[in-house]
């Protein structure tokens, strides 16, 4: 999911592209995962791609970090309707 300055539509010529990637439950978020995916997504349209990996939080999780930032900017997200929509709704309410 796109977030950051591109999702808010306030990017500049030097902005990178921030992507929030939801990782399936049980898959650890490790440096190896970042290295594997960063090699595949080095750039988009000449811009650096900055990947942010997360698991979907459960209803009992305290939300912080990337999810909190993404939820605040959720109105600017360019995404297909997914389970993450429910997550953003829960975080914002």
C-alpha atoms as a PDB file:
ATOM      1  CA  UNK A   1       0.000   0.000   0.000  1.00  0.00           C
ATOM      2  CA  UNK A   2       1.245   3.423  -0.851  1.00  0.00           C
ATOM      3  CA  UNK A   3       1.774   5.821   2.042  1.00  0.00           C
ATOM      4  CA  UNK A   4       3.948   8.769   2.943  1.00  0.00           C
ATOM      5  CA  UNK A   5       4.262  11.856   0.771  1.00  0.00           C
ATOM      6  CA  UNK A   6       2.899  10.184  -2.390  1.00  0.00           C
ATOM      7  CA  UNK A   7      -0.269   9.054  -0.590  1.00  0.00           C
ATOM      8  CA  UNK A   8      -0.698  12.542   0.874  1.00  0.00           C
ATOM      9  CA  UNK A   9      -0.028  14.071  -2.558  1.00  0.00           C
ATOM     10  CA  UNK A  10       2.678  16.348  -1.166  1.00  0.00           C
ATOM     11  CA  UNK A  11       5.731  14.697  -2.722  1.00  0.00           C
ATOM     12  CA  UNK A  12       8.615  16.575  -4.278  1.00  0.00           C
ATOM     13  CA  UNK A  13      11.097  15.764  -7.022  1.00  0.00           C
ATOM     14  CA  UNK A  14      13.392  14.185  -4.412  1.00  0.00           C
ATOM     15  CA  UNK A  15      10.739  12.162  -2.523  1.00  0.00           C
ATOM     16  CA  UNK A  16      11.070   8.419  -2.213  1.00  0.00           C
ATOM     17  CA  UNK A  17       8.095   6.070  -2.576  1.00  0.00           C
ATOM     18  CA  UNK A  18       6.936   4.568   0.740  1.00  0.00           C
ATOM     19  CA  UNK A  19       5.210   1.197   0.535  1.00  0.00           C
ATOM     20  CA  UNK A  20       3.570  -0.596   3.457  1.00  0.00           C
ATOM     21  CA  UNK A  21       3.656  -4.353   2.833  1.00  0.00           C
ATOM     22  CA  UNK A  22       1.462  -6.648   4.918  1.00  0.00           C
ATOM     23  CA  UNK A  23       3.281  -9.904   5.641  1.00  0.00           C
ATOM     24  CA  UNK A  24       1.329 -13.117   6.134  1.00  0.00           C
ATOM     25  CA  UNK A  25       0.938 -14.304   9.738  1.00  0.00           C
ATOM     26  CA  UNK A  26       3.783 -16.513  10.850  1.00  0.00           C
ATOM     27  CA  UNK A  27       6.340 -15.052   8.468  1.00  0.00           C
ATOM     28  CA  UNK A  28       8.989 -13.257  10.486  1.00  0.00           C
ATOM     29  CA  UNK A  29       9.902  -9.724   9.509  1.00  0.00           C
ATOM     30  CA  UNK A  30      13.663  -9.975   9.276  1.00  0.00           C
ATOM     31  CA  UNK A  31      16.540  -8.121   7.687  1.00  0.00           C
ATOM     32  CA  UNK A  32      16.726 -10.993   5.169  1.00  0.00           C
ATOM     33  CA  UNK A  33      13.135 -10.223   4.087  1.00  0.00           C
ATOM     34  CA  UNK A  34      14.050  -6.561   3.575  1.00  0.00           C
ATOM     35  CA  UNK A  35      17.164  -7.494   1.561  1.00  0.00           C
ATOM     36  CA  UNK A  36      15.213  -9.949  -0.593  1.00  0.00           C
ATOM     37  CA  UNK A  37      12.481  -7.456  -1.432  1.00  0.00           C
ATOM     38  CA  UNK A  38      14.649  -4.354  -1.696  1.00  0.00           C
ATOM     39  CA  UNK A  39      16.591  -6.001  -4.513  1.00  0.00           C
ATOM     40  CA  UNK A  40      13.317  -6.490  -6.410  1.00  0.00           C
ATOM     41  CA  UNK A  41      11.951  -3.009  -5.697  1.00  0.00           C
ATOM     42  CA  UNK A  42      15.006  -0.767  -5.973  1.00  0.00           C
ATOM     43  CA  UNK A  43      13.271   2.037  -7.797  1.00  0.00           C
ATOM     44  CA  UNK A  44       9.982   3.097  -9.291  1.00  0.00           C
ATOM     45  CA  UNK A  45       9.854   5.757 -11.953  1.00  0.00           C
ATOM     46  CA  UNK A  46      13.432   6.710 -11.043  1.00  0.00           C
ATOM     47  CA  UNK A  47      12.618   7.086  -7.328  1.00  0.00           C
ATOM     48  CA  UNK A  48      13.947   5.069  -4.413  1.00  0.00           C
ATOM     49  CA  UNK A  49      11.387   2.687  -2.920  1.00  0.00           C
ATOM     50  CA  UNK A  50      11.262   2.511   0.894  1.00  0.00           C
ATOM     51  CA  UNK A  51       9.581  -0.699   2.067  1.00  0.00           C
ATOM     52  CA  UNK A  52       7.863  -0.984   5.461  1.00  0.00           C
ATOM     53  CA  UNK A  53       6.803  -4.517   6.451  1.00  0.00           C
ATOM     54  CA  UNK A  54       4.033  -5.149   8.988  1.00  0.00           C
ATOM     55  CA  UNK A  55       1.711  -7.890  10.193  1.00  0.00           C
ATOM     56  CA  UNK A  56      -1.993  -7.082  10.464  1.00  0.00           C
ATOM     57  CA  UNK A  57      -2.544  -6.127  14.098  1.00  0.00           C
ATOM     58  CA  UNK A  58      -5.138  -8.045  16.058  1.00  0.00           C
ATOM     59  CA  UNK A  59      -8.013  -6.326  17.827  1.00  0.00           C
ATOM     60  CA  UNK A  60      -6.056  -6.534  21.105  1.00  0.00           C
ATOM     61  CA  UNK A  61      -2.770  -5.110  19.772  1.00  0.00           C
ATOM     62  CA  UNK A  62      -1.615  -1.639  20.730  1.00  0.00           C
ATOM     63  CA  UNK A  63      -1.110   0.058  17.378  1.00  0.00           C
ATOM     64  CA  UNK A  64       2.048   2.079  16.804  1.00  0.00           C
ATOM     65  CA  UNK A  65       4.800   2.616  14.260  1.00  0.00           C
ATOM     66  CA  UNK A  66       4.022   2.110  10.595  1.00  0.00           C
ATOM     67  CA  UNK A  67       0.369   1.191  11.196  1.00  0.00           C
ATOM     68  CA  UNK A  68      -0.238   4.344  13.207  1.00  0.00           C
ATOM     69  CA  UNK A  69       1.407   6.525  10.569  1.00  0.00           C
ATOM     70  CA  UNK A  70      -0.502   4.778   7.796  1.00  0.00           C
ATOM     71  CA  UNK A  71      -3.831   5.081   9.615  1.00  0.00           C
ATOM     72  CA  UNK A  72      -3.431   8.823  10.073  1.00  0.00           C
ATOM     73  CA  UNK A  73      -2.886   9.184   6.328  1.00  0.00           C
ATOM     74  CA  UNK A  74      -5.407   6.471   5.384  1.00  0.00           C
ATOM     75  CA  UNK A  75      -7.610   8.889   3.481  1.00  0.00           C
ATOM     76  CA  UNK A  76      -4.755   9.350   1.039  1.00  0.00           C
ATOM     77  CA  UNK A  77      -4.106   5.670   0.472  1.00  0.00           C
ATOM     78  CA  UNK A  78      -4.325   4.290  -3.039  1.00  0.00           C
ATOM     79  CA  UNK A  79      -5.326   0.702  -2.467  1.00  0.00           C
ATOM     80  CA  UNK A  80      -7.771  -2.016  -3.357  1.00  0.00           C
ATOM     81  CA  UNK A  81     -10.329  -2.834  -0.677  1.00  0.00           C
ATOM     82  CA  UNK A  82      -8.676  -5.351   1.594  1.00  0.00           C
ATOM     83  CA  UNK A  83      -8.668  -6.518   5.193  1.00  0.00           C
ATOM     84  CA  UNK A  84      -6.357  -3.594   5.909  1.00  0.00           C
ATOM     85  CA  UNK A  85      -9.360  -1.275   5.387  1.00  0.00           C
ATOM     86  CA  UNK A  86     -10.922  -2.847   8.469  1.00  0.00           C
ATOM     87  CA  UNK A  87      -7.665  -2.347  10.359  1.00  0.00           C
ATOM     88  CA  UNK A  88      -7.483   1.353   9.464  1.00  0.00           C
ATOM     89  CA  UNK A  89     -11.093   1.820  10.483  1.00  0.00           C
ATOM     90  CA  UNK A  90     -10.464   0.179  13.852  1.00  0.00           C
ATOM     91  CA  UNK A  91      -7.312   2.242  14.492  1.00  0.00           C
ATOM     92  CA  UNK A  92      -8.989   5.526  13.629  1.00  0.00           C
ATOM     93  CA  UNK A  93     -12.104   4.855  15.736  1.00  0.00           C
END
